[in-house]
N, C-alpha and C. Protein backbone atom coordinates (compact mmCIF):
# COMPACT_ATOMS: atom_id res chain seq x y z
N MET A 1 -79.35 -5.36 11.50
CA MET A 1 -78.99 -4.20 12.25
C MET A 1 -78.04 -3.33 11.43
N ILE A 2 -78.14 -2.05 11.64
CA ILE A 2 -77.29 -1.08 10.96
C ILE A 2 -76.46 -0.35 11.99
N LEU A 3 -75.15 -0.29 11.78
CA LEU A 3 -74.28 0.52 12.63
C LEU A 3 -74.12 1.87 11.97
N GLN A 4 -74.32 2.92 12.76
CA GLN A 4 -74.24 4.27 12.22
C GLN A 4 -73.32 5.12 13.08
N ASP A 5 -72.31 5.69 12.45
CA ASP A 5 -71.42 6.64 13.12
C ASP A 5 -72.19 7.96 13.21
N THR A 6 -72.34 8.50 14.39
CA THR A 6 -73.21 9.67 14.57
C THR A 6 -72.40 10.88 15.01
N GLU A 7 -71.96 11.65 14.03
CA GLU A 7 -71.27 12.89 14.36
C GLU A 7 -72.26 13.95 14.82
N HIS A 8 -73.41 14.01 14.14
CA HIS A 8 -74.45 14.98 14.50
C HIS A 8 -75.41 14.33 15.49
N ARG A 9 -75.52 14.91 16.65
CA ARG A 9 -76.36 14.35 17.72
C ARG A 9 -77.51 15.30 18.00
N ASP A 10 -78.60 15.13 17.27
CA ASP A 10 -79.74 16.01 17.46
C ASP A 10 -80.52 15.63 18.72
N ALA A 11 -81.48 16.45 19.06
CA ALA A 11 -82.25 16.26 20.30
C ALA A 11 -82.96 14.91 20.32
N ALA A 12 -83.47 14.47 19.17
CA ALA A 12 -84.19 13.19 19.12
C ALA A 12 -83.26 12.02 19.43
N LEU A 13 -82.06 12.06 18.86
CA LEU A 13 -81.09 11.00 19.12
C LEU A 13 -80.68 10.99 20.59
N VAL A 14 -80.36 12.15 21.11
CA VAL A 14 -79.95 12.24 22.52
C VAL A 14 -81.07 11.73 23.43
N SER A 15 -82.29 12.12 23.14
CA SER A 15 -83.44 11.67 23.94
C SER A 15 -83.58 10.15 23.88
N ALA A 16 -83.43 9.57 22.70
CA ALA A 16 -83.53 8.12 22.56
C ALA A 16 -82.40 7.42 23.33
N LEU A 17 -81.20 7.97 23.27
CA LEU A 17 -80.07 7.36 23.99
C LEU A 17 -80.22 7.49 25.50
N VAL A 18 -80.77 8.60 25.96
CA VAL A 18 -81.02 8.76 27.39
C VAL A 18 -82.07 7.74 27.84
N ALA A 19 -83.08 7.49 27.03
CA ALA A 19 -84.10 6.49 27.37
C ALA A 19 -83.48 5.09 27.46
N VAL A 20 -82.59 4.77 26.52
CA VAL A 20 -81.90 3.47 26.57
C VAL A 20 -81.04 3.40 27.83
N TRP A 21 -80.33 4.48 28.12
CA TRP A 21 -79.50 4.52 29.34
C TRP A 21 -80.36 4.25 30.57
N GLU A 22 -81.50 4.96 30.66
CA GLU A 22 -82.35 4.82 31.85
C GLU A 22 -82.90 3.41 31.98
N ARG A 23 -83.38 2.82 30.88
CA ARG A 23 -83.90 1.44 30.96
C ARG A 23 -82.80 0.48 31.40
N SER A 24 -81.60 0.68 30.88
CA SER A 24 -80.49 -0.20 31.23
C SER A 24 -80.11 -0.07 32.70
N VAL A 25 -80.05 1.17 33.18
CA VAL A 25 -79.70 1.41 34.58
C VAL A 25 -80.77 0.82 35.50
N ARG A 26 -82.03 1.03 35.18
CA ARG A 26 -83.10 0.50 36.04
C ARG A 26 -83.09 -1.03 36.06
N ALA A 27 -82.69 -1.65 34.96
CA ALA A 27 -82.66 -3.11 34.89
C ALA A 27 -81.45 -3.72 35.59
N THR A 28 -80.37 -2.96 35.71
CA THR A 28 -79.13 -3.55 36.22
C THR A 28 -78.62 -2.95 37.52
N HIS A 29 -79.05 -1.76 37.84
CA HIS A 29 -78.54 -1.07 39.03
C HIS A 29 -79.66 -0.96 40.08
N THR A 30 -80.12 -2.09 40.52
CA THR A 30 -81.26 -2.11 41.45
C THR A 30 -80.94 -1.49 42.81
N PHE A 31 -79.69 -1.24 43.07
CA PHE A 31 -79.28 -0.62 44.32
C PHE A 31 -79.48 0.90 44.30
N LEU A 32 -79.73 1.49 43.13
CA LEU A 32 -79.96 2.93 43.04
C LEU A 32 -81.42 3.26 43.26
N THR A 33 -81.69 4.33 43.97
CA THR A 33 -83.07 4.78 44.17
C THR A 33 -83.51 5.59 42.95
N ASP A 34 -84.82 5.81 42.84
CA ASP A 34 -85.35 6.65 41.77
C ASP A 34 -84.72 8.04 41.81
N ASP A 35 -84.59 8.60 42.99
CA ASP A 35 -83.99 9.93 43.12
C ASP A 35 -82.55 9.94 42.61
N GLU A 36 -81.79 8.91 42.94
CA GLU A 36 -80.40 8.85 42.48
C GLU A 36 -80.33 8.72 40.95
N ILE A 37 -81.17 7.88 40.39
CA ILE A 37 -81.20 7.73 38.93
C ILE A 37 -81.57 9.04 38.26
N ASN A 38 -82.59 9.70 38.77
CA ASN A 38 -83.01 10.98 38.19
C ASN A 38 -81.94 12.05 38.32
N ARG A 39 -81.20 12.03 39.41
CA ARG A 39 -80.12 13.00 39.61
C ARG A 39 -78.99 12.73 38.60
N ILE A 40 -78.62 11.48 38.43
CA ILE A 40 -77.57 11.12 37.47
C ILE A 40 -78.03 11.40 36.04
N LYS A 41 -79.29 11.15 35.77
CA LYS A 41 -79.86 11.31 34.43
C LYS A 41 -79.66 12.72 33.89
N GLN A 42 -79.60 13.70 34.76
CA GLN A 42 -79.39 15.09 34.35
C GLN A 42 -78.07 15.26 33.59
N TYR A 43 -77.09 14.42 33.89
CA TYR A 43 -75.75 14.54 33.30
C TYR A 43 -75.56 13.70 32.05
N VAL A 44 -76.48 12.82 31.76
CA VAL A 44 -76.32 11.89 30.65
C VAL A 44 -76.27 12.60 29.29
N PRO A 45 -77.14 13.57 29.00
CA PRO A 45 -77.03 14.25 27.70
C PRO A 45 -75.65 14.90 27.49
N GLN A 46 -75.10 15.50 28.51
CA GLN A 46 -73.76 16.11 28.42
C GLN A 46 -72.72 15.03 28.15
N ALA A 47 -72.84 13.91 28.83
CA ALA A 47 -71.90 12.81 28.62
C ALA A 47 -71.99 12.29 27.19
N ILE A 48 -73.19 12.16 26.66
CA ILE A 48 -73.37 11.71 25.28
C ILE A 48 -72.71 12.70 24.32
N ALA A 49 -72.88 13.98 24.58
CA ALA A 49 -72.30 15.02 23.71
C ALA A 49 -70.78 14.96 23.70
N GLU A 50 -70.18 14.47 24.77
CA GLU A 50 -68.72 14.46 24.89
C GLU A 50 -68.06 13.18 24.42
N VAL A 51 -68.85 12.19 24.03
CA VAL A 51 -68.27 10.94 23.52
C VAL A 51 -67.62 11.24 22.17
N PRO A 52 -66.30 11.01 22.04
CA PRO A 52 -65.62 11.41 20.81
C PRO A 52 -66.07 10.61 19.57
N GLU A 53 -66.32 9.33 19.71
CA GLU A 53 -66.73 8.48 18.60
C GLU A 53 -67.96 7.70 19.04
N LEU A 54 -69.12 8.12 18.54
CA LEU A 54 -70.38 7.50 18.95
C LEU A 54 -70.95 6.71 17.79
N VAL A 55 -71.14 5.41 18.01
CA VAL A 55 -71.72 4.54 17.00
C VAL A 55 -73.02 3.99 17.58
N VAL A 56 -74.08 4.11 16.79
CA VAL A 56 -75.41 3.68 17.23
C VAL A 56 -75.86 2.51 16.37
N MET A 57 -76.44 1.50 16.97
CA MET A 57 -76.99 0.37 16.23
C MET A 57 -78.49 0.58 16.10
N ARG A 58 -78.97 0.46 14.87
CA ARG A 58 -80.39 0.63 14.59
C ARG A 58 -80.93 -0.62 13.87
N PRO A 59 -82.23 -0.88 14.02
CA PRO A 59 -82.82 -1.99 13.26
C PRO A 59 -82.73 -1.70 11.76
N ASP A 60 -82.64 -2.73 10.95
CA ASP A 60 -82.62 -2.57 9.49
C ASP A 60 -83.86 -1.82 9.02
N GLY A 61 -83.63 -0.83 8.16
CA GLY A 61 -84.73 -0.14 7.51
C GLY A 61 -85.50 0.82 8.38
N ASP A 62 -85.08 1.05 9.62
CA ASP A 62 -85.81 1.97 10.49
C ASP A 62 -84.81 2.81 11.26
N SER A 63 -84.71 4.08 10.92
CA SER A 63 -83.74 4.94 11.59
C SER A 63 -84.34 5.69 12.76
N SER A 64 -85.58 5.38 13.15
CA SER A 64 -86.23 6.12 14.22
C SER A 64 -86.03 5.51 15.60
N GLU A 65 -85.53 4.29 15.69
CA GLU A 65 -85.39 3.64 17.00
C GLU A 65 -83.95 3.60 17.43
């Protein structure tokens, strides 16, 4: 695994992180309805943009996941 400090957060990275967020929430927050998850999901890109120090873990040799 590779740890990467991500100062630049392009649309592809944000989209990938939102997908990870959604899979995690659906797996662990079974008390939330689809509508609630989708409503919260609207705010996740903004929240990602505001994280002062964002470190992303990627598989070795593949920066696309």
